[in-house]
Amino acid sequence: MAGLGGAAALSRFVESLLFGLHPLDPMTFGGVPALLLVVAAAAVSLPAARATRIEPAITLRQTP
């Protein structure tokens, strides 16, 4: 939430870089966090799924 507030505050500063967008466009402010959430979920779920296939007892026995 703090990031969205900071982005809204600084949107006037980068207004010249936004071509065809209003500085406080709700689709952008909703779409970018949603996209980052999907990417983060994919980055976490793939290693987590791989880790669930490992037997914990075997892993603990092999630890030096």
PDB file of N, CA and C in Angstrom:
ATOM      1  N   MET A   1       0.810  -1.193   0.000  1.00  0.00           N
ATOM      2  CA  MET A   1       0.000   0.000   0.000  1.00  0.00           C
ATOM      3  C   MET A   1       0.857   1.262   0.000  1.00  0.00           C
ATOM      4  N   ALA A   2       1.974   1.220   0.688  1.00  0.00           N
ATOM      5  CA  ALA A   2       2.858   2.385   0.710  1.00  0.00           C
ATOM      6  C   ALA A   2       3.438   2.635  -0.680  1.00  0.00           C
ATOM      7  N   GLY A   3       3.691   1.558  -1.409  1.00  0.00           N
ATOM      8  CA  GLY A   3       4.209   1.707  -2.763  1.00  0.00           C
ATOM      9  C   GLY A   3       3.218   2.382  -3.691  1.00  0.00           C
ATOM     10  N   LEU A   4       1.957   2.036  -3.546  1.00  0.00           N
ATOM     11  CA  LEU A   4       0.933   2.677  -4.375  1.00  0.00           C
ATOM     12  C   LEU A   4       0.810   4.154  -4.034  1.00  0.00           C
ATOM     13  N   GLY A   5       0.909   4.482  -2.742  1.00  0.00           N
ATOM     14  CA  GLY A   5       0.854   5.889  -2.342  1.00  0.00           C
ATOM     15  C   GLY A   5       2.044   6.672  -2.873  1.00  0.00           C
ATOM     16  N   GLY A   6       3.221   6.066  -2.810  1.00  0.00           N
ATOM     17  CA  GLY A   6       4.415   6.712  -3.342  1.00  0.00           C
ATOM     18  C   GLY A   6       4.343   6.884  -4.844  1.00  0.00           C
ATOM     19  N   ALA A   7       3.820   5.879  -5.513  1.00  0.00           N
ATOM     20  CA  ALA A   7       3.679   5.974  -6.967  1.00  0.00           C
ATOM     21  C   ALA A   7       2.687   7.068  -7.346  1.00  0.00           C
ATOM     22  N   ALA A   8       1.619   7.186  -6.591  1.00  0.00           N
ATOM     23  CA  ALA A   8       0.643   8.236  -6.877  1.00  0.00           C
ATOM     24  C   ALA A   8       1.245   9.619  -6.639  1.00  0.00           C
ATOM     25  N   ALA A   9       2.062   9.730  -5.596  1.00  0.00           N
ATOM     26  CA  ALA A   9       2.681  11.021  -5.296  1.00  0.00           C
ATOM     27  C   ALA A   9       3.706  11.412  -6.354  1.00  0.00           C
ATOM     28  N   LEU A  10       4.437  10.443  -6.871  1.00  0.00           N
ATOM     29  CA  LEU A  10       5.475  10.729  -7.859  1.00  0.00           C
ATOM     30  C   LEU A  10       4.975  10.694  -9.301  1.00  0.00           C
ATOM     31  N   SER A  11       3.699  10.402  -9.496  1.00  0.00           N
ATOM     32  CA  SER A  11       3.185  10.285 -10.863  1.00  0.00           C
ATOM     33  C   SER A  11       3.245  11.611 -11.618  1.00  0.00           C
ATOM     34  N   ARG A  12       3.106  12.708 -10.944  1.00  0.00           N
ATOM     35  CA  ARG A  12       3.211  14.019 -11.600  1.00  0.00           C
ATOM     36  C   ARG A  12       4.645  14.268 -12.071  1.00  0.00           C
ATOM     37  N   PHE A  13       5.609  13.720 -11.345  1.00  0.00           N
ATOM     38  CA  PHE A  13       7.015  13.893 -11.696  1.00  0.00           C
ATOM     39  C   PHE A  13       7.347  13.183 -13.008  1.00  0.00           C
ATOM     40  N   VAL A  14       6.768  12.011 -13.228  1.00  0.00           N
ATOM     41  CA  VAL A  14       7.072  11.235 -14.429  1.00  0.00           C
ATOM     42  C   VAL A  14       5.980  11.359 -15.492  1.00  0.00           C
ATOM     43  N   GLU A  15       5.135  12.352 -15.349  1.00  0.00           N
ATOM     44  CA  GLU A  15       4.021  12.524 -16.294  1.00  0.00           C
ATOM     45  C   GLU A  15       4.514  12.699 -17.727  1.00  0.00           C
ATOM     46  N   SER A  16       5.662  13.309 -17.918  1.00  0.00           N
ATOM     47  CA  SER A  16       6.174  13.510 -19.272  1.00  0.00           C
ATOM     48  C   SER A  16       6.607  12.205 -19.924  1.00  0.00           C
ATOM     49  N   LEU A  17       6.835  11.161 -19.144  1.00  0.00           N
ATOM     50  CA  LEU A  17       7.247   9.868 -19.691  1.00  0.00           C
ATOM     51  C   LEU A  17       6.070   8.978 -20.055  1.00  0.00           C
ATOM     52  N   LEU A  18       4.878   9.337 -19.618  1.00  0.00           N
ATOM     53  CA  LEU A  18       3.688   8.526 -19.864  1.00  0.00           C
ATOM     54  C   LEU A  18       3.028   8.976 -21.158  1.00  0.00           C
ATOM     55  N   PHE A  19       3.106   8.148 -22.161  1.00  0.00           N
ATOM     56  CA  PHE A  19       2.521   8.474 -23.455  1.00  0.00           C
ATOM     57  C   PHE A  19       1.163   7.812 -23.585  1.00  0.00           C
ATOM     58  N   GLY A  20       0.114   8.590 -23.647  1.00  0.00           N
ATOM     59  CA  GLY A  20      -1.232   8.070 -23.820  1.00  0.00           C
ATOM     60  C   GLY A  20      -1.878   7.577 -22.542  1.00  0.00           C
ATOM     61  N   LEU A  21      -1.285   7.867 -21.378  1.00  0.00           N
ATOM     62  CA  LEU A  21      -1.854   7.445 -20.100  1.00  0.00           C
ATOM     63  C   LEU A  21      -2.036   8.651 -19.195  1.00  0.00           C
ATOM     64  N   HIS A  22      -3.093   8.617 -18.437  1.00  0.00           N
ATOM     65  CA  HIS A  22      -3.288   9.608 -17.393  1.00  0.00           C
ATOM     66  C   HIS A  22      -2.386   9.208 -16.220  1.00  0.00           C
ATOM     67  N   PRO A  23      -1.799  10.156 -15.513  1.00  0.00           N
ATOM     68  CA  PRO A  23      -0.867   9.808 -14.438  1.00  0.00           C
ATOM     69  C   PRO A  23      -1.461   8.914 -13.351  1.00  0.00           C
ATOM     70  N   LEU A  24      -2.740   9.022 -13.094  1.00  0.00           N
ATOM     71  CA  LEU A  24      -3.375   8.196 -12.067  1.00  0.00           C
ATOM     72  C   LEU A  24      -4.360   7.208 -12.696  1.00  0.00           C
ATOM     73  N   ASP A  25      -3.969   6.589 -13.790  1.00  0.00           N
ATOM     74  CA  ASP A  25      -4.810   5.633 -14.500  1.00  0.00           C
ATOM     75  C   ASP A  25      -5.089   4.418 -13.616  1.00  0.00           C
ATOM     76  N   PRO A  26      -6.368   4.126 -13.326  1.00  0.00           N
ATOM     77  CA  PRO A  26      -6.681   3.010 -12.426  1.00  0.00           C
ATOM     78  C   PRO A  26      -6.293   1.643 -12.997  1.00  0.00           C
ATOM     79  N   MET A  27      -6.329   1.488 -14.311  1.00  0.00           N
ATOM     80  CA  MET A  27      -5.922   0.204 -14.895  1.00  0.00           C
ATOM     81  C   MET A  27      -4.435  -0.057 -14.673  1.00  0.00           C
ATOM     82  N   THR A  28      -3.635   0.988 -14.773  1.00  0.00           N
ATOM     83  CA  THR A  28      -2.200   0.839 -14.547  1.00  0.00           C
ATOM     84  C   THR A  28      -1.917   0.566 -13.078  1.00  0.00           C
ATOM     85  N   PHE A  29      -2.561   1.317 -12.195  1.00  0.00           N
ATOM     86  CA  PHE A  29      -2.327   1.133 -10.761  1.00  0.00           C
ATOM     87  C   PHE A  29      -2.867  -0.203 -10.258  1.00  0.00           C
ATOM     88  N   GLY A  30      -3.811  -0.796 -10.951  1.00  0.00           N
ATOM     89  CA  GLY A  30      -4.304  -2.116 -10.574  1.00  0.00           C
ATOM     90  C   GLY A  30      -3.602  -3.228 -11.320  1.00  0.00           C
ATOM     91  N   GLY A  31      -3.236  -2.974 -12.569  1.00  0.00           N
ATOM     92  CA  GLY A  31      -2.642  -4.011 -13.403  1.00  0.00           C
ATOM     93  C   GLY A  31      -1.206  -4.336 -13.061  1.00  0.00           C
ATOM     94  N   VAL A  32      -0.414  -3.338 -12.758  1.00  0.00           N
ATOM     95  CA  VAL A  32       0.994  -3.571 -12.457  1.00  0.00           C
ATOM     96  C   VAL A  32       1.159  -4.391 -11.170  1.00  0.00           C
ATOM     97  N   PRO A  33       0.492  -4.042 -10.072  1.00  0.00           N
ATOM     98  CA  PRO A  33       0.623  -4.903  -8.887  1.00  0.00           C
ATOM     99  C   PRO A  33       0.091  -6.314  -9.115  1.00  0.00           C
ATOM    100  N   ALA A  34      -0.972  -6.439  -9.900  1.00  0.00           N
ATOM    101  CA  ALA A  34      -1.500  -7.768 -10.191  1.00  0.00           C
ATOM    102  C   ALA A  34      -0.504  -8.583 -11.006  1.00  0.00           C
ATOM    103  N   LEU A  35       0.131  -7.961 -11.984  1.00  0.00           N
ATOM    104  CA  LEU A  35       1.144  -8.650 -12.779  1.00  0.00           C
ATOM    105  C   LEU A  35       2.327  -9.063 -11.914  1.00  0.00           C
ATOM    106  N   LEU A  36       2.783  -8.182 -11.037  1.00  0.00           N
ATOM    107  CA  LEU A  36       3.888  -8.522 -10.145  1.00  0.00           C
ATOM    108  C   LEU A  36       3.519  -9.651  -9.193  1.00  0.00           C
ATOM    109  N   LEU A  37       2.270  -9.691  -8.757  1.00  0.00           N
ATOM    110  CA  LEU A  37       1.808 -10.769  -7.891  1.00  0.00           C
ATOM    111  C   LEU A  37       1.818 -12.106  -8.621  1.00  0.00           C
ATOM    112  N   VAL A  38       1.396 -12.125  -9.873  1.00  0.00           N
ATOM    113  CA  VAL A  38       1.410 -13.358 -10.670  1.00  0.00           C
ATOM    114  C   VAL A  38       2.838 -13.842 -10.899  1.00  0.00           C
ATOM    115  N   VAL A  39       3.736 -12.928 -11.221  1.00  0.00           N
ATOM    116  CA  VAL A  39       5.138 -13.296 -11.454  1.00  0.00           C
ATOM    117  C   VAL A  39       5.766 -13.820 -10.167  1.00  0.00           C
ATOM    118  N   ALA A  40       5.497 -13.168  -9.040  1.00  0.00           N
ATOM    119  CA  ALA A  40       6.045 -13.619  -7.758  1.00  0.00           C
ATOM    120  C   ALA A  40       5.488 -14.990  -7.374  1.00  0.00           C
ATOM    121  N   ALA A  41       4.206 -15.210  -7.613  1.00  0.00           N
ATOM    122  CA  ALA A  41       3.605 -16.512  -7.302  1.00  0.00           C
ATOM    123  C   ALA A  41       4.218 -17.617  -8.154  1.00  0.00           C
ATOM    124  N   ALA A  42       4.475 -17.338  -9.413  1.00  0.00           N
ATOM    125  CA  ALA A  42       5.111 -18.337 -10.280  1.00  0.00           C
ATOM    126  C   ALA A  42       6.549 -18.604  -9.835  1.00  0.00           C
ATOM    127  N   ALA A  43       7.258 -17.566  -9.440  1.00  0.00           N
ATOM    128  CA  ALA A  43       8.649 -17.727  -9.018  1.00  0.00           C
ATOM    129  C   ALA A  43       8.754 -18.520  -7.725  1.00  0.00           C
ATOM    130  N   VAL A  44       7.742 -18.452  -6.878  1.00  0.00           N
ATOM    131  CA  VAL A  44       7.765 -19.167  -5.609  1.00  0.00           C
ATOM    132  C   VAL A  44       7.197 -20.572  -5.749  1.00  0.00           C
ATOM    133  N   SER A  45       6.177 -20.736  -6.567  1.00  0.00           N
ATOM    134  CA  SER A  45       5.492 -22.023  -6.635  1.00  0.00           C
ATOM    135  C   SER A  45       6.317 -23.108  -7.329  1.00  0.00           C
ATOM    136  N   LEU A  46       7.115 -22.751  -8.319  1.00  0.00           N
ATOM    137  CA  LEU A  46       7.908 -23.763  -9.006  1.00  0.00           C
ATOM    138  C   LEU A  46       8.951 -24.411  -8.090  1.00  0.00           C
ATOM    139  N   PRO A  47       9.765 -23.662  -7.365  1.00  0.00           N
ATOM    140  CA  PRO A  47      10.693 -24.311  -6.425  1.00  0.00           C
ATOM    141  C   PRO A  47       9.972 -25.018  -5.270  1.00  0.00           C
ATOM    142  N   ALA A  48       8.850 -24.475  -4.828  1.00  0.00           N
ATOM    143  CA  ALA A  48       8.106 -25.110  -3.740  1.00  0.00           C
ATOM    144  C   ALA A  48       7.540 -26.452  -4.178  1.00  0.00           C
ATOM    145  N   ALA A  49       7.036 -26.531  -5.394  1.00  0.00           N
ATOM    146  CA  ALA A  49       6.520 -27.807  -5.897  1.00  0.00           C
ATOM    147  C   ALA A  49       7.634 -28.831  -6.024  1.00  0.00           C
ATOM    148  N   ARG A  50       8.802 -28.387  -6.430  1.00  0.00           N
ATOM    149  CA  ARG A  50       9.944 -29.295  -6.542  1.00  0.00           C
ATOM    150  C   ARG A  50      10.380 -29.775  -5.157  1.00  0.00           C
ATOM    151  N   ALA A  51      10.343 -28.898  -4.174  1.00  0.00           N
ATOM    152  CA  ALA A  51      10.763 -29.268  -2.819  1.00  0.00           C
ATOM    153  C   ALA A  51       9.797 -30.248  -2.166  1.00  0.00           C
ATOM    154  N   THR A  52       8.524 -30.246  -2.564  1.00  0.00           N
ATOM    155  CA  THR A  52       7.565 -31.168  -1.954  1.00  0.00           C
ATOM    156  C   THR A  52       7.771 -32.602  -2.404  1.00  0.00           C
ATOM    157  N   ARG A  53       8.521 -32.814  -3.482  1.00  0.00           N
ATOM    158  CA  ARG A  53       8.769 -34.170  -3.958  1.00  0.00           C
ATOM    159  C   ARG A  53       9.918 -34.860  -3.223  1.00  0.00           C
ATOM    160  N   ILE A  54      10.605 -34.126  -2.355  1.00  0.00           N
ATOM    161  CA  ILE A  54      11.738 -34.682  -1.622  1.00  0.00           C
ATOM    162  C   ILE A  54      11.248 -35.267  -0.299  1.00  0.00           C
ATOM    163  N   GLU A  55      11.720 -36.454   0.018  1.00  0.00           N
ATOM    164  CA  GLU A  55      11.374 -37.101   1.275  1.00  0.00           C
ATOM    165  C   GLU A  55      12.199 -36.469   2.397  1.00  0.00           C
ATOM    166  N   PRO A  56      11.552 -35.891   3.426  1.00  0.00           N
ATOM    167  CA  PRO A  56      12.301 -35.189   4.474  1.00  0.00           C
ATOM    168  C   PRO A  56      13.262 -36.086   5.257  1.00  0.00           C
ATOM    169  N   ALA A  57      12.870 -37.305   5.548  1.00  0.00           N
ATOM    170  CA  ALA A  57      13.732 -38.191   6.340  1.00  0.00           C
ATOM    171  C   ALA A  57      15.006 -38.527   5.582  1.00  0.00           C
ATOM    172  N   ILE A  58      14.916 -38.755   4.281  1.00  0.00           N
ATOM    173  CA  ILE A  58      16.097 -39.068   3.486  1.00  0.00           C
ATOM    174  C   ILE A  58      17.017 -37.842   3.411  1.00  0.00           C
ATOM    175  N   THR A  59      16.436 -36.706   3.268  1.00  0.00           N
ATOM    176  CA  THR A  59      17.217 -35.483   3.195  1.00  0.00           C
ATOM    177  C   THR A  59      17.955 -35.227   4.504  1.00  0.00           C
ATOM    178  N   LEU A  60      17.291 -35.443   5.637  1.00  0.00           N
ATOM    179  CA  LEU A  60      17.935 -35.230   6.928  1.00  0.00           C
ATOM    180  C   LEU A  60      19.050 -36.235   7.178  1.00  0.00           C
ATOM    181  N   ARG A  61      18.905 -37.464   6.721  1.00  0.00           N
ATOM    182  CA  ARG A  61      19.972 -38.466   6.887  1.00  0.00           C
ATOM    183  C   ARG A  61      21.192 -38.135   6.052  1.00  0.00           C
ATOM    184  N   GLN A  62      21.003 -37.479   4.918  1.00  0.00           N
ATOM    185  CA  GLN A  62      22.131 -37.172   4.031  1.00  0.00           C
ATOM    186  C   GLN A  62      22.836 -35.864   4.396  1.00  0.00           C
ATOM    187  N   THR A  63      22.277 -35.101   5.316  1.00  0.00           N
ATOM    188  CA  THR A  63      22.886 -33.833   5.722  1.00  0.00           C
ATOM    189  C   THR A  63      24.120 -34.119   6.573  1.00  0.00           C
ATOM    190  N   PRO A  64      25.278 -33.539   6.233  1.00  0.00           N
ATOM    191  CA  PRO A  64      26.503 -33.826   7.007  1.00  0.00           C
ATOM    192  C   PRO A  64      26.466 -33.249   8.398  1.00  0.00           C
TER     193      PRO A  64
END
